[in-house]
C-alpha cells in the first residue's frame, strides 16, 4: 500500500500570526513595548508585505524598508526588499532576530495568555483538525521556520493531536529551502511513496519544482501577494482526503 506524507506550512496556512509578528518586529526594531497600542496604518502596511518574509530575521529588512520607503509604490517596496534580502543575514539582522526570539520566548513562558491571544487558528485548520485526528499519525508533518516549542504550545491549546517528531522547524530548515529539505527527507525515507506540500509562499512552492512524486499546493489564503489562481480551502481539503 502506498504511503503519502503531507507537509503543512504553519504560519499563514494553519495559524494567523501577523499580529504576533508585527508586535515582536516593532519591539525588536524600535524597542516599542509589545503591549503598546497598534498603529493601524503601520500594521496594515506590515500585513500587506508579510508575504515577502520567510524567516524571522527578515522582519528586520521589512521593518527597515517600510520605515524608509513606505511612501513608495508596492513594486518598489517589493523590489527593494528582495534586493536587500538577497545579500543574506547581516549583523543587524542577527541582533534583531535574537531580540525578536528572546521576547517571544519570554512571552510564552511569563505571559502565555497575552502571547496566545496574538495568534489564532485559520479556518482551514478548523476544518482539518478532524481529518488529522482520524488519519494515521504519520500522515502529516509540519515544515515551518517558526520554532518547534511555539508550534507545540499552539497545537496543545487548540486541541490538535500532532506527533512532535514530525514537526520540523527553523533548526531543521537552517540553510535549506523547503524543497531541499523535502528532497533529503524523501531520499532517506524509502517507505514514503508520495508527498504533498501545502504552503502559501510561492518561493517555497517553486523550490519543489523538480522533486519526483511531490505535489505542491499554493493556497489562496495566508500571506499572499494575490490570491488569484491559487487553490481554495475546499480544493486542498479534497486532495488531502484523497491521500490519507
Protein backbone atom coordinates (compact mmCIF):
# COMPACT_ATOMS: atom_id res chain seq x y z
CA UNK A 1 0.00 0.00 0.00
CA UNK A 2 1.43 3.38 -0.99
CA UNK A 3 2.18 5.94 1.70
CA UNK A 4 1.78 9.70 1.30
CA UNK A 5 3.25 12.31 3.65
CA UNK A 6 1.58 15.72 3.69
CA UNK A 7 3.85 18.63 4.65
CA UNK A 8 1.92 21.57 6.10
CA UNK A 9 3.22 25.10 6.45
CA UNK A 10 2.27 26.66 9.80
CA UNK A 11 2.18 30.47 9.74
CA UNK A 12 -0.45 31.59 7.27
CA UNK A 13 -1.77 28.13 6.38
CA UNK A 14 -2.65 26.84 9.87
CA UNK A 15 -2.10 29.89 12.04
CA UNK A 16 -2.83 33.60 11.65
CA UNK A 17 0.26 35.06 13.31
CA UNK A 18 0.52 38.53 11.75
CA UNK A 19 -0.23 40.39 14.98
CA UNK A 20 2.44 38.50 16.92
CA UNK A 21 4.99 39.08 14.16
CA UNK A 22 4.13 42.78 13.97
CA UNK A 23 4.41 43.41 17.71
CA UNK A 24 7.66 41.46 18.03
CA UNK A 25 9.10 43.20 14.98
CA UNK A 26 8.16 46.60 16.34
CA UNK A 27 9.76 45.67 19.67
CA UNK A 28 12.97 44.29 18.16
CA UNK A 29 13.33 47.13 15.64
CA UNK A 30 12.19 50.16 17.64
CA UNK A 31 12.09 48.85 21.22
CA UNK A 32 8.36 49.59 21.47
CA UNK A 33 6.70 47.54 24.19
CA UNK A 34 4.54 44.76 22.74
CA UNK A 35 1.53 45.94 24.75
CA UNK A 36 1.57 49.45 23.34
CA UNK A 37 -1.44 50.21 21.08
CA UNK A 38 -1.12 49.22 17.44
CA UNK A 39 -0.71 51.93 14.82
CA UNK A 40 -3.35 50.81 12.32
CA UNK A 41 -1.65 52.35 9.28
CA UNK A 42 1.71 50.75 10.09
CA UNK A 43 0.02 47.45 10.87
CA UNK A 44 -1.81 47.42 7.55
CA UNK A 45 1.44 48.06 5.68
CA UNK A 46 3.10 45.23 7.58
CA UNK A 47 0.21 42.90 6.70
CA UNK A 48 0.39 43.88 3.03
CA UNK A 49 4.05 42.84 2.73
CA UNK A 50 4.15 39.93 5.18
CA UNK A 51 4.22 37.58 2.17
CA UNK A 52 7.83 38.61 1.48
CA UNK A 53 9.18 37.20 4.75
CA UNK A 54 10.28 33.58 5.04
CA UNK A 55 12.45 33.72 8.20
CA UNK A 56 12.14 35.79 11.38
CA UNK A 57 15.42 37.66 10.78
CA UNK A 58 13.95 39.01 7.54
CA UNK A 59 11.39 41.02 9.52
CA UNK A 60 14.30 43.35 10.21
CA UNK A 61 14.64 44.03 6.47
CA UNK A 62 10.90 44.50 6.07
CA UNK A 63 10.78 46.93 9.02
CA UNK A 64 13.70 48.90 7.59
CA UNK A 65 12.18 49.10 4.10
CA UNK A 66 8.78 50.19 5.42
CA UNK A 67 10.41 52.73 7.72
CA UNK A 68 12.29 54.36 4.86
CA UNK A 69 10.18 53.71 1.76
CA UNK A 70 6.55 53.44 2.86
CA UNK A 71 5.72 56.38 0.58
CA UNK A 72 6.83 54.37 -2.48
CA UNK A 73 4.55 52.13 -4.55
CA UNK A 74 4.17 48.37 -3.99
CA UNK A 75 6.51 47.30 -6.79
CA UNK A 76 9.30 49.50 -5.46
CA UNK A 77 8.89 48.19 -1.89
CA UNK A 78 8.92 44.57 -3.02
CA UNK A 79 11.92 45.08 -5.31
CA UNK A 80 13.84 46.94 -2.61
CA UNK A 81 13.11 44.23 -0.04
CA UNK A 82 14.20 41.42 -2.35
CA UNK A 83 17.37 43.28 -3.33
CA UNK A 84 18.42 43.66 0.32
CA UNK A 85 17.31 40.17 1.37
CA UNK A 86 19.37 38.60 -1.43
CA UNK A 87 22.54 39.54 0.48
CA UNK A 88 21.51 37.29 3.38
CA UNK A 89 21.57 37.81 7.12
CA UNK A 90 23.62 40.80 8.28
CA UNK A 91 24.90 41.52 11.80
CA UNK A 92 21.98 43.92 12.25
CA UNK A 93 19.50 41.21 11.22
CA UNK A 94 21.15 38.74 13.58
CA UNK A 95 20.90 41.08 16.57
CA UNK A 96 17.32 41.89 15.65
CA UNK A 97 16.49 38.19 15.43
CA UNK A 98 17.98 37.41 18.83
CA UNK A 99 15.87 40.15 20.37
CA UNK A 100 12.75 39.04 18.46
CA UNK A 101 13.07 35.38 19.51
CA UNK A 102 14.06 36.16 23.10
CA UNK A 103 10.94 38.32 23.53
CA UNK A 104 8.74 35.59 22.05
CA UNK A 105 10.25 33.05 24.46
CA UNK A 106 9.73 35.44 27.38
CA UNK A 107 6.07 35.97 26.49
CA UNK A 108 5.47 32.24 26.03
CA UNK A 109 6.94 31.49 29.45
CA UNK A 110 5.87 34.51 31.51
CA UNK A 111 2.76 35.93 29.83
CA UNK A 112 1.26 32.99 27.97
CA UNK A 113 -2.30 34.31 27.96
CA UNK A 114 -1.26 37.51 26.19
CA UNK A 115 1.06 35.72 23.75
CA UNK A 116 -1.58 33.13 22.98
CA UNK A 117 -4.15 35.84 22.20
CA UNK A 118 -1.95 37.18 19.38
CA UNK A 119 -2.34 34.11 17.19
CA UNK A 120 -5.45 32.27 16.08
CA UNK A 121 -6.09 29.07 14.09
CA UNK A 122 -7.08 29.61 10.48
CA UNK A 123 -10.43 28.48 9.17
CA UNK A 124 -8.53 25.80 7.23
CA UNK A 125 -7.08 24.29 10.41
CA UNK A 126 -10.52 24.20 11.99
CA UNK A 127 -11.68 22.07 9.04
CA UNK A 128 -8.52 19.96 9.04
CA UNK A 129 -8.48 19.05 12.76
CA UNK A 130 -10.85 16.10 12.43
CA UNK A 131 -9.00 14.76 9.40
CA UNK A 132 -5.71 14.85 11.31
CA UNK A 133 -7.32 13.15 14.31
CA UNK A 134 -8.71 10.30 12.21
CA UNK A 135 -5.70 9.79 9.92
CA UNK A 136 -2.64 7.66 10.52
CA UNK A 137 -0.37 9.67 12.85
CA UNK A 138 2.44 9.56 10.29
CA UNK A 139 0.32 11.11 7.51
CA UNK A 140 1.14 14.75 8.31
CA UNK A 141 4.27 16.75 9.04
CA UNK A 142 4.81 20.43 9.82
CA UNK A 143 7.50 22.28 7.90
CA UNK A 144 7.95 25.78 9.30
CA UNK A 145 10.55 28.41 10.11
CA UNK A 146 8.72 29.03 13.40
CA UNK A 147 10.32 27.42 16.45
CA UNK A 148 9.00 24.00 17.41
CA UNK A 149 8.09 24.84 21.01
CA UNK A 150 5.72 27.60 19.86
CA UNK A 151 4.01 25.24 17.41
CA UNK A 152 3.57 22.54 20.05
CA UNK A 153 2.12 25.03 22.54
CA UNK A 154 -0.37 26.24 19.96
CA UNK A 155 -1.43 22.74 18.97
CA UNK A 156 -1.86 21.73 22.61
CA UNK A 157 -4.02 24.78 23.29
CA UNK A 158 -6.10 24.28 20.13
CA UNK A 159 -6.59 20.55 20.79
CA UNK A 160 -4.64 19.37 17.75
CA UNK A 161 -3.03 15.99 18.39
CA UNK A 162 0.21 16.02 16.42
CA UNK A 163 3.35 13.89 16.56
CA UNK A 164 6.14 16.26 17.74
CA UNK A 165 8.68 14.13 15.87
CA UNK A 166 7.04 15.25 12.63
CA UNK A 167 7.30 18.95 13.41
CA UNK A 168 10.32 20.35 11.58
CA UNK A 169 11.25 23.91 12.43
CA UNK A 170 13.81 26.64 11.77
CA UNK A 171 16.68 24.48 13.05
CA UNK A 172 15.82 21.70 10.61
CA UNK A 173 15.48 24.19 7.75
CA UNK A 174 18.66 26.12 8.50
CA UNK A 175 20.38 26.95 5.19
CA UNK A 176 17.86 24.80 3.30
CA UNK A 177 14.87 25.68 1.17
CA UNK A 178 11.72 23.70 1.87
CA UNK A 179 12.25 21.88 -1.40
CA UNK A 180 15.79 20.85 -0.41
CA UNK A 181 14.58 19.64 2.98
CA UNK A 182 11.73 17.62 1.47
CA UNK A 183 14.01 16.00 -1.12
CA UNK A 184 16.52 14.97 1.55
CA UNK A 185 13.74 13.66 3.75
CA UNK A 186 12.14 11.62 0.96
CA UNK A 187 15.53 10.25 -0.14
CA UNK A 188 16.14 8.96 3.39
CA UNK A 189 12.63 7.53 3.90
CA UNK A 190 12.06 4.88 1.24
CA UNK A 191 8.72 3.91 2.81
CA UNK A 192 7.16 7.19 1.59
CA UNK A 193 5.95 6.89 -2.00
CA UNK A 194 4.49 10.37 -2.49
CA UNK A 195 4.45 13.73 -0.74
CA UNK A 196 2.32 16.86 -0.78
CA UNK A 197 3.37 20.35 0.29
CA UNK A 198 0.67 22.84 1.31
CA UNK A 199 2.14 26.32 1.54
CA UNK A 200 1.24 29.98 0.99
CA UNK A 201 4.67 31.08 -0.23
CA UNK A 202 5.46 30.92 -3.97
CA UNK A 203 9.21 30.65 -3.34
CA UNK A 204 8.62 27.52 -1.23
CA UNK A 205 6.40 26.03 -3.91
CA UNK A 206 8.94 26.81 -6.64
CA UNK A 207 11.75 25.18 -4.64
CA UNK A 208 9.90 21.86 -5.04
CA UNK A 209 9.51 22.05 -8.81
CA UNK A 210 11.87 19.17 -9.67
CA UNK A 211 11.06 16.77 -6.84
CA UNK A 212 9.68 13.49 -8.12
CA UNK A 213 6.33 12.31 -6.71
CA UNK A 214 5.66 15.60 -4.93
CA UNK A 215 2.55 17.71 -5.43
CA UNK A 216 2.92 21.33 -4.29
CA UNK A 217 -0.28 23.23 -3.45
CA UNK A 218 -0.17 27.04 -3.30
CA UNK A 219 -3.03 28.20 -1.12
CA UNK A 220 -5.43 31.08 -1.72
CA UNK A 221 -5.27 32.06 1.98
CA UNK A 222 -2.38 33.03 4.22
CA UNK A 223 0.27 35.64 3.38
CA UNK A 224 -0.06 36.31 -0.32
CA UNK A 225 0.69 38.99 -2.83
CA UNK A 226 -2.56 37.99 -4.53
CA UNK A 227 -4.99 35.07 -4.01
CA UNK A 228 -5.80 34.87 -7.71
CA UNK A 229 -5.12 31.50 -9.31
CA UNK A 230 -4.33 29.82 -6.00
CA UNK A 231 -6.02 26.72 -4.55
CA UNK A 232 -9.09 27.18 -2.35
CA UNK A 233 -9.56 25.50 1.04
CA UNK A 234 -12.03 23.04 -0.49
CA UNK A 235 -9.60 22.15 -3.29
CA UNK A 236 -6.79 21.47 -0.83
CA UNK A 237 -9.02 19.52 1.56
CA UNK A 238 -10.18 17.33 -1.33
CA UNK A 239 -6.57 16.45 -2.19
CA UNK A 240 -5.82 15.67 1.45
CA UNK A 241 -8.86 13.42 1.83
CA UNK A 242 -7.87 11.52 -1.29
CA UNK A 243 -4.44 10.77 0.17
CA UNK A 244 -4.96 9.92 3.85
